């Protein structure tokens, strides 16, 4: 993993795996695309801004974090 970058199949520091990158535009960040993450602990899949993937935490395991972006 490169600094602030994660590739498909890689895991971030919070054990979230990048499953795929979508062409969907973020609903919360004007220049970001939505990426699909999966928690390696509970297998929950959710969308996130591509620019946040390197530090995301699972919204199901951590209810205090942003729930994430919609996945179409």
PDB file of N, CA and C in Angstrom:
ATOM      1  N   UNK A   1       0.850  -1.186   0.000  1.00  0.00           N
ATOM      2  CA  UNK A   1       0.000   0.000   0.000  1.00  0.00           C
ATOM      3  C   UNK A   1       0.887   1.239   0.000  1.00  0.00           C
ATOM      4  N   UNK A   2       0.552   2.179  -0.844  1.00  0.00           N
ATOM      5  CA  UNK A   2       1.264   3.436  -0.907  1.00  0.00           C
ATOM      6  C   UNK A   2       0.668   4.435   0.072  1.00  0.00           C
ATOM      7  N   UNK A   3       1.373   5.497   0.363  1.00  0.00           N
ATOM      8  CA  UNK A   3       0.886   6.524   1.287  1.00  0.00           C
ATOM      9  C   UNK A   3      -0.477   7.041   0.821  1.00  0.00           C
ATOM     10  N   UNK A   4      -1.467   6.966   1.698  1.00  0.00           N
ATOM     11  CA  UNK A   4      -2.831   7.450   1.444  1.00  0.00           C
ATOM     12  C   UNK A   4      -3.451   6.857   0.176  1.00  0.00           C
ATOM     13  N   UNK A   5      -3.024   5.669  -0.197  1.00  0.00           N
ATOM     14  CA  UNK A   5      -3.587   5.018  -1.369  1.00  0.00           C
ATOM     15  C   UNK A   5      -3.734   3.534  -1.065  1.00  0.00           C
ATOM     16  N   UNK A   6      -4.801   2.964  -1.557  1.00  0.00           N
ATOM     17  CA  UNK A   6      -5.051   1.546  -1.369  1.00  0.00           C
ATOM     18  C   UNK A   6      -5.521   0.987  -2.711  1.00  0.00           C
ATOM     19  N   UNK A   7      -5.117  -0.222  -3.015  1.00  0.00           N
ATOM     20  CA  UNK A   7      -5.489  -0.844  -4.285  1.00  0.00           C
ATOM     21  C   UNK A   7      -6.523  -1.946  -4.041  1.00  0.00           C
ATOM     22  N   UNK A   8      -7.229  -2.330  -5.087  1.00  0.00           N
ATOM     23  CA  UNK A   8      -8.238  -3.381  -4.985  1.00  0.00           C
ATOM     24  C   UNK A   8      -7.609  -4.642  -4.386  1.00  0.00           C
ATOM     25  N   UNK A   9      -8.276  -5.195  -3.385  1.00  0.00           N
ATOM     26  CA  UNK A   9      -7.798  -6.397  -2.705  1.00  0.00           C
ATOM     27  C   UNK A   9      -6.929  -6.110  -1.497  1.00  0.00           C
ATOM     28  N   UNK A  10      -6.476  -4.876  -1.359  1.00  0.00           N
ATOM     29  CA  UNK A  10      -5.643  -4.507  -0.210  1.00  0.00           C
ATOM     30  C   UNK A  10      -6.514  -4.096   0.973  1.00  0.00           C
ATOM     31  N   UNK A  11      -5.908  -4.156   2.138  1.00  0.00           N
ATOM     32  CA  UNK A  11      -6.564  -3.842   3.395  1.00  0.00           C
ATOM     33  C   UNK A  11      -5.948  -2.565   3.960  1.00  0.00           C
ATOM     34  N   UNK A  12      -6.779  -1.686   4.521  1.00  0.00           N
ATOM     35  CA  UNK A  12      -6.229  -0.488   5.152  1.00  0.00           C
ATOM     36  C   UNK A  12      -5.834  -0.790   6.590  1.00  0.00           C
ATOM     37  N   UNK A  13      -5.364   0.208   7.302  1.00  0.00           N
ATOM     38  CA  UNK A  13      -4.888   0.010   8.679  1.00  0.00           C
ATOM     39  C   UNK A  13      -5.992  -0.415   9.638  1.00  0.00           C
ATOM     40  N   UNK A  14      -7.263  -0.225   9.247  1.00  0.00           N
ATOM     41  CA  UNK A  14      -8.400  -0.595  10.089  1.00  0.00           C
ATOM     42  C   UNK A  14      -9.074  -1.891   9.635  1.00  0.00           C
ATOM     43  N   UNK A  15      -8.347  -2.681   8.843  1.00  0.00           N
ATOM     44  CA  UNK A  15      -8.803  -4.000   8.391  1.00  0.00           C
ATOM     45  C   UNK A  15     -10.022  -3.931   7.464  1.00  0.00           C
ATOM     46  N   UNK A  16     -10.081  -2.872   6.643  1.00  0.00           N
ATOM     47  CA  UNK A  16     -11.131  -2.713   5.646  1.00  0.00           C
ATOM     48  C   UNK A  16     -10.522  -3.004   4.274  1.00  0.00           C
ATOM     49  N   UNK A  17     -11.153  -3.882   3.515  1.00  0.00           N
ATOM     50  CA  UNK A  17     -10.627  -4.328   2.231  1.00  0.00           C
ATOM     51  C   UNK A  17     -11.331  -3.583   1.100  1.00  0.00           C
ATOM     52  N   UNK A  18     -10.548  -3.050   0.170  1.00  0.00           N
ATOM     53  CA  UNK A  18     -11.122  -2.401  -1.002  1.00  0.00           C
ATOM     54  C   UNK A  18     -11.554  -3.487  -1.978  1.00  0.00           C
ATOM     55  N   UNK A  19     -12.865  -3.555  -2.235  1.00  0.00           N
ATOM     56  CA  UNK A  19     -13.423  -4.576  -3.117  1.00  0.00           C
ATOM     57  C   UNK A  19     -13.457  -4.128  -4.576  1.00  0.00           C
ATOM     58  N   UNK A  20     -13.891  -2.901  -4.801  1.00  0.00           N
ATOM     59  CA  UNK A  20     -13.939  -2.380  -6.164  1.00  0.00           C
ATOM     60  C   UNK A  20     -14.080  -0.861  -6.148  1.00  0.00           C
ATOM     61  N   UNK A  21     -13.722  -0.266  -7.276  1.00  0.00           N
ATOM     62  CA  UNK A  21     -13.858   1.175  -7.474  1.00  0.00           C
ATOM     63  C   UNK A  21     -15.003   1.379  -8.454  1.00  0.00           C
ATOM     64  N   UNK A  22     -15.939   2.253  -8.122  1.00  0.00           N
ATOM     65  CA  UNK A  22     -17.081   2.488  -9.006  1.00  0.00           C
ATOM     66  C   UNK A  22     -16.930   3.828  -9.724  1.00  0.00           C
ATOM     67  N   UNK A  23     -17.690   4.031 -10.792  1.00  0.00           N
ATOM     68  CA  UNK A  23     -17.692   5.323 -11.467  1.00  0.00           C
ATOM     69  C   UNK A  23     -18.679   6.312 -10.841  1.00  0.00           C
ATOM     70  N   UNK A  24     -19.376   5.884  -9.770  1.00  0.00           N
ATOM     71  CA  UNK A  24     -20.361   6.738  -9.105  1.00  0.00           C
ATOM     72  C   UNK A  24     -19.679   7.919  -8.423  1.00  0.00           C
ATOM     73  N   UNK A  25     -20.286   9.083  -8.553  1.00  0.00           N
ATOM     74  CA  UNK A  25     -19.772  10.269  -7.870  1.00  0.00           C
ATOM     75  C   UNK A  25     -20.236  10.269  -6.424  1.00  0.00           C
ATOM     76  N   UNK A  26     -19.378  10.729  -5.554  1.00  0.00           N
ATOM     77  CA  UNK A  26     -19.683  10.838  -4.132  1.00  0.00           C
ATOM     78  C   UNK A  26     -20.830  11.820  -3.913  1.00  0.00           C
ATOM     79  N   UNK A  27     -21.627  11.559  -2.895  1.00  0.00           N
ATOM     80  CA  UNK A  27     -22.707  12.478  -2.526  1.00  0.00           C
ATOM     81  C   UNK A  27     -22.231  13.529  -1.526  1.00  0.00           C
ATOM     82  N   UNK A  28     -21.028  13.338  -0.981  1.00  0.00           N
ATOM     83  CA  UNK A  28     -20.536  14.246   0.059  1.00  0.00           C
ATOM     84  C   UNK A  28     -19.240  14.960  -0.284  1.00  0.00           C
ATOM     85  N   UNK A  29     -18.539  14.495  -1.305  1.00  0.00           N
ATOM     86  CA  UNK A  29     -17.260  15.104  -1.671  1.00  0.00           C
ATOM     87  C   UNK A  29     -17.295  15.400  -3.173  1.00  0.00           C
ATOM     88  N   UNK A  30     -17.142  16.657  -3.581  1.00  0.00           N
ATOM     89  CA  UNK A  30     -17.349  17.036  -4.976  1.00  0.00           C
ATOM     90  C   UNK A  30     -16.416  16.398  -6.007  1.00  0.00           C
ATOM     91  N   UNK A  31     -15.236  15.956  -5.616  1.00  0.00           N
ATOM     92  CA  UNK A  31     -14.284  15.426  -6.595  1.00  0.00           C
ATOM     93  C   UNK A  31     -13.977  13.944  -6.405  1.00  0.00           C
ATOM     94  N   UNK A  32     -14.680  13.278  -5.504  1.00  0.00           N
ATOM     95  CA  UNK A  32     -14.387  11.874  -5.201  1.00  0.00           C
ATOM     96  C   UNK A  32     -15.369  10.928  -5.892  1.00  0.00           C
ATOM     97  N   UNK A  33     -14.897   9.714  -6.125  1.00  0.00           N
ATOM     98  CA  UNK A  33     -15.747   8.631  -6.610  1.00  0.00           C
ATOM     99  C   UNK A  33     -15.992   7.671  -5.453  1.00  0.00           C
ATOM    100  N   UNK A  34     -17.047   6.884  -5.572  1.00  0.00           N
ATOM    101  CA  UNK A  34     -17.385   5.928  -4.512  1.00  0.00           C
ATOM    102  C   UNK A  34     -16.651   4.616  -4.739  1.00  0.00           C
ATOM    103  N   UNK A  35     -16.014   4.149  -3.692  1.00  0.00           N
ATOM    104  CA  UNK A  35     -15.342   2.858  -3.686  1.00  0.00           C
ATOM    105  C   UNK A  35     -16.078   1.950  -2.711  1.00  0.00           C
ATOM    106  N   UNK A  36     -16.082   0.659  -2.984  1.00  0.00           N
ATOM    107  CA  UNK A  36     -16.766  -0.316  -2.127  1.00  0.00           C
ATOM    108  C   UNK A  36     -15.748  -1.000  -1.223  1.00  0.00           C
ATOM    109  N   UNK A  37     -16.030  -0.930   0.071  1.00  0.00           N
ATOM    110  CA  UNK A  37     -15.169  -1.527   1.083  1.00  0.00           C
ATOM    111  C   UNK A  37     -15.892  -2.687   1.755  1.00  0.00           C
ATOM    112  N   UNK A  38     -15.113  -3.648   2.272  1.00  0.00           N
ATOM    113  CA  UNK A  38     -15.675  -4.758   3.056  1.00  0.00           C
ATOM    114  C   UNK A  38     -14.871  -4.877   4.338  1.00  0.00           C
ATOM    115  N   UNK A  39     -15.586  -4.984   5.445  1.00  0.00           N
ATOM    116  CA  UNK A  39     -14.937  -5.161   6.741  1.00  0.00           C
ATOM    117  C   UNK A  39     -14.453  -6.604   6.866  1.00  0.00           C
ATOM    118  N   UNK A  40     -13.199  -6.784   7.233  1.00  0.00           N
ATOM    119  CA  UNK A  40     -12.664  -8.142   7.372  1.00  0.00           C
ATOM    120  C   UNK A  40     -13.130  -8.807   8.669  1.00  0.00           C
ATOM    121  N   UNK A  41     -13.735  -8.051   9.543  1.00  0.00           N
ATOM    122  CA  UNK A  41     -14.239  -8.617  10.807  1.00  0.00           C
ATOM    123  C   UNK A  41     -15.679  -9.134  10.667  1.00  0.00           C
ATOM    124  N   UNK A  42     -16.582  -8.292  10.075  1.00  0.00           N
ATOM    125  CA  UNK A  42     -18.006  -8.664  10.025  1.00  0.00           C
ATOM    126  C   UNK A  42     -18.531  -8.866   8.597  1.00  0.00           C
ATOM    127  N   UNK A  43     -17.689  -8.633   7.581  1.00  0.00           N
ATOM    128  CA  UNK A  43     -18.041  -8.782   6.164  1.00  0.00           C
ATOM    129  C   UNK A  43     -19.062  -7.773   5.642  1.00  0.00           C
ATOM    130  N   UNK A  44     -19.322  -6.721   6.394  1.00  0.00           N
ATOM    131  CA  UNK A  44     -20.243  -5.668   5.943  1.00  0.00           C
ATOM    132  C   UNK A  44     -19.614  -4.918   4.773  1.00  0.00           C
ATOM    133  N   UNK A  45     -20.376  -4.711   3.690  1.00  0.00           N
ATOM    134  CA  UNK A  45     -19.911  -3.932   2.548  1.00  0.00           C
ATOM    135  C   UNK A  45     -20.595  -2.578   2.558  1.00  0.00           C
ATOM    136  N   UNK A  46     -19.834  -1.557   2.234  1.00  0.00           N
ATOM    137  CA  UNK A  46     -20.357  -0.191   2.241  1.00  0.00           C
ATOM    138  C   UNK A  46     -19.550   0.662   1.275  1.00  0.00           C
ATOM    139  N   UNK A  47     -20.118   1.778   0.868  1.00  0.00           N
ATOM    140  CA  UNK A  47     -19.435   2.703  -0.014  1.00  0.00           C
ATOM    141  C   UNK A  47     -18.707   3.768   0.774  1.00  0.00           C
ATOM    142  N   UNK A  48     -17.628   4.258   0.198  1.00  0.00           N
ATOM    143  CA  UNK A  48     -16.892   5.359   0.814  1.00  0.00           C
ATOM    144  C   UNK A  48     -16.277   6.216  -0.276  1.00  0.00           C
ATOM    145  N   UNK A  49     -15.866   7.409   0.074  1.00  0.00           N
ATOM    146  CA  UNK A  49     -15.136   8.257  -0.857  1.00  0.00           C
ATOM    147  C   UNK A  49     -13.782   7.621  -1.106  1.00  0.00           C
ATOM    148  N   UNK A  50     -13.330   7.622  -2.344  1.00  0.00           N
ATOM    149  CA  UNK A  50     -12.025   7.063  -2.663  1.00  0.00           C
ATOM    150  C   UNK A  50     -10.912   7.719  -1.862  1.00  0.00           C
ATOM    151  N   UNK A  51     -11.070   9.004  -1.567  1.00  0.00           N
ATOM    152  CA  UNK A  51     -10.026   9.720  -0.831  1.00  0.00           C
ATOM    153  C   UNK A  51      -9.992   9.347   0.655  1.00  0.00           C
ATOM    154  N   UNK A  52     -11.019   8.631   1.142  1.00  0.00           N
ATOM    155  CA  UNK A  52     -11.076   8.233   2.555  1.00  0.00           C
ATOM    156  C   UNK A  52     -10.762   6.754   2.777  1.00  0.00           C
ATOM    157  N   UNK A  53     -10.625   5.980   1.713  1.00  0.00           N
ATOM    158  CA  UNK A  53     -10.497   4.525   1.825  1.00  0.00           C
ATOM    159  C   UNK A  53      -9.325   4.096   2.692  1.00  0.00           C
ATOM    160  N   UNK A  54      -8.247   4.822   2.661  1.00  0.00           N
ATOM    161  CA  UNK A  54      -7.047   4.425   3.411  1.00  0.00           C
ATOM    162  C   UNK A  54      -7.235   4.490   4.921  1.00  0.00           C
ATOM    163  N   UNK A  55      -8.290   5.193   5.388  1.00  0.00           N
ATOM    164  CA  UNK A  55      -8.495   5.338   6.830  1.00  0.00           C
ATOM    165  C   UNK A  55      -9.895   4.956   7.308  1.00  0.00           C
ATOM    166  N   UNK A  56     -10.736   4.454   6.415  1.00  0.00           N
ATOM    167  CA  UNK A  56     -12.111   4.124   6.790  1.00  0.00           C
ATOM    168  C   UNK A  56     -12.162   3.047   7.864  1.00  0.00           C
ATOM    169  N   UNK A  57     -13.213   3.153   8.687  1.00  0.00           N
ATOM    170  CA  UNK A  57     -13.555   2.118   9.659  1.00  0.00           C
ATOM    171  C   UNK A  57     -14.964   1.647   9.330  1.00  0.00           C
ATOM    172  N   UNK A  58     -15.294   0.441   9.688  1.00  0.00           N
ATOM    173  CA  UNK A  58     -16.591  -0.147   9.383  1.00  0.00           C
ATOM    174  C   UNK A  58     -17.712   0.571  10.141  1.00  0.00           C
ATOM    175  N   UNK A  59     -18.759   1.041   9.430  1.00  0.00           N
ATOM    176  CA  UNK A  59     -19.861   1.708  10.111  1.00  0.00           C
ATOM    177  C   UNK A  59     -20.743   0.738  10.908  1.00  0.00           C
ATOM    178  N   UNK A  60     -20.672  -0.535  10.596  1.00  0.00           N
ATOM    179  CA  UNK A  60     -21.455  -1.517  11.359  1.00  0.00           C
ATOM    180  C   UNK A  60     -20.760  -1.856  12.675  1.00  0.00           C
ATOM    181  N   UNK A  61     -19.451  -2.002  12.651  1.00  0.00           N
ATOM    182  CA  UNK A  61     -18.689  -2.310  13.867  1.00  0.00           C
ATOM    183  C   UNK A  61     -18.458  -1.062  14.719  1.00  0.00           C
ATOM    184  N   UNK A  62     -18.500   0.113  14.093  1.00  0.00           N
ATOM    185  CA  UNK A  62     -18.236   1.385  14.766  1.00  0.00           C
ATOM    186  C   UNK A  62     -19.383   2.356  14.472  1.00  0.00           C
ATOM    187  N   UNK A  63     -20.499   2.248  15.186  1.00  0.00           N
ATOM    188  CA  UNK A  63     -21.671   3.073  14.879  1.00  0.00           C
ATOM    189  C   UNK A  63     -21.430   4.579  14.999  1.00  0.00           C
ATOM    190  N   UNK A  64     -20.317   4.975  15.588  1.00  0.00           N
ATOM    191  CA  UNK A  64     -20.019   6.395  15.743  1.00  0.00           C
ATOM    192  C   UNK A  64     -19.403   6.997  14.483  1.00  0.00           C
ATOM    193  N   UNK A  65     -19.069   6.188  13.470  1.00  0.00           N
ATOM    194  CA  UNK A  65     -18.468   6.714  12.242  1.00  0.00           C
ATOM    195  C   UNK A  65     -19.537   6.979  11.188  1.00  0.00           C
ATOM    196  N   UNK A  66     -19.178   7.738  10.178  1.00  0.00           N
ATOM    197  CA  UNK A  66     -20.064   8.038   9.055  1.00  0.00           C
ATOM    198  C   UNK A  66     -20.551   6.731   8.434  1.00  0.00           C
ATOM    199  N   UNK A  67     -21.838   6.607   8.136  1.00  0.00           N
ATOM    200  CA  UNK A  67     -22.372   5.349   7.584  1.00  0.00           C
ATOM    201  C   UNK A  67     -21.876   4.998   6.195  1.00  0.00           C
ATOM    202  N   UNK A  68     -21.287   5.945   5.511  1.00  0.00           N
ATOM    203  CA  UNK A  68     -20.745   5.665   4.190  1.00  0.00           C
ATOM    204  C   UNK A  68     -21.639   6.156   3.068  1.00  0.00           C
ATOM    205  N   UNK A  69     -21.226   5.876   1.847  1.00  0.00           N
ATOM    206  CA  UNK A  69     -21.908   6.323   0.639  1.00  0.00           C
ATOM    207  C   UNK A  69     -22.833   5.210   0.118  1.00  0.00           C
ATOM    208  N   UNK A  70     -23.895   5.601  -0.612  1.00  0.00           N
ATOM    209  CA  UNK A  70     -24.773   4.573  -1.196  1.00  0.00           C
ATOM    210  C   UNK A  70     -24.069   3.825  -2.333  1.00  0.00           C
ATOM    211  N   UNK A  71     -24.337   2.538  -2.419  1.00  0.00           N
ATOM    212  CA  UNK A  71     -23.791   1.722  -3.502  1.00  0.00           C
ATOM    213  C   UNK A  71     -24.958   1.356  -4.411  1.00  0.00           C
ATOM    214  N   UNK A  72     -24.838   1.701  -5.675  1.00  0.00           N
ATOM    215  CA  UNK A  72     -25.917   1.376  -6.641  1.00  0.00           C
ATOM    216  C   UNK A  72     -25.637   0.073  -7.338  1.00  0.00           C
TER     217      UNK A  72
END
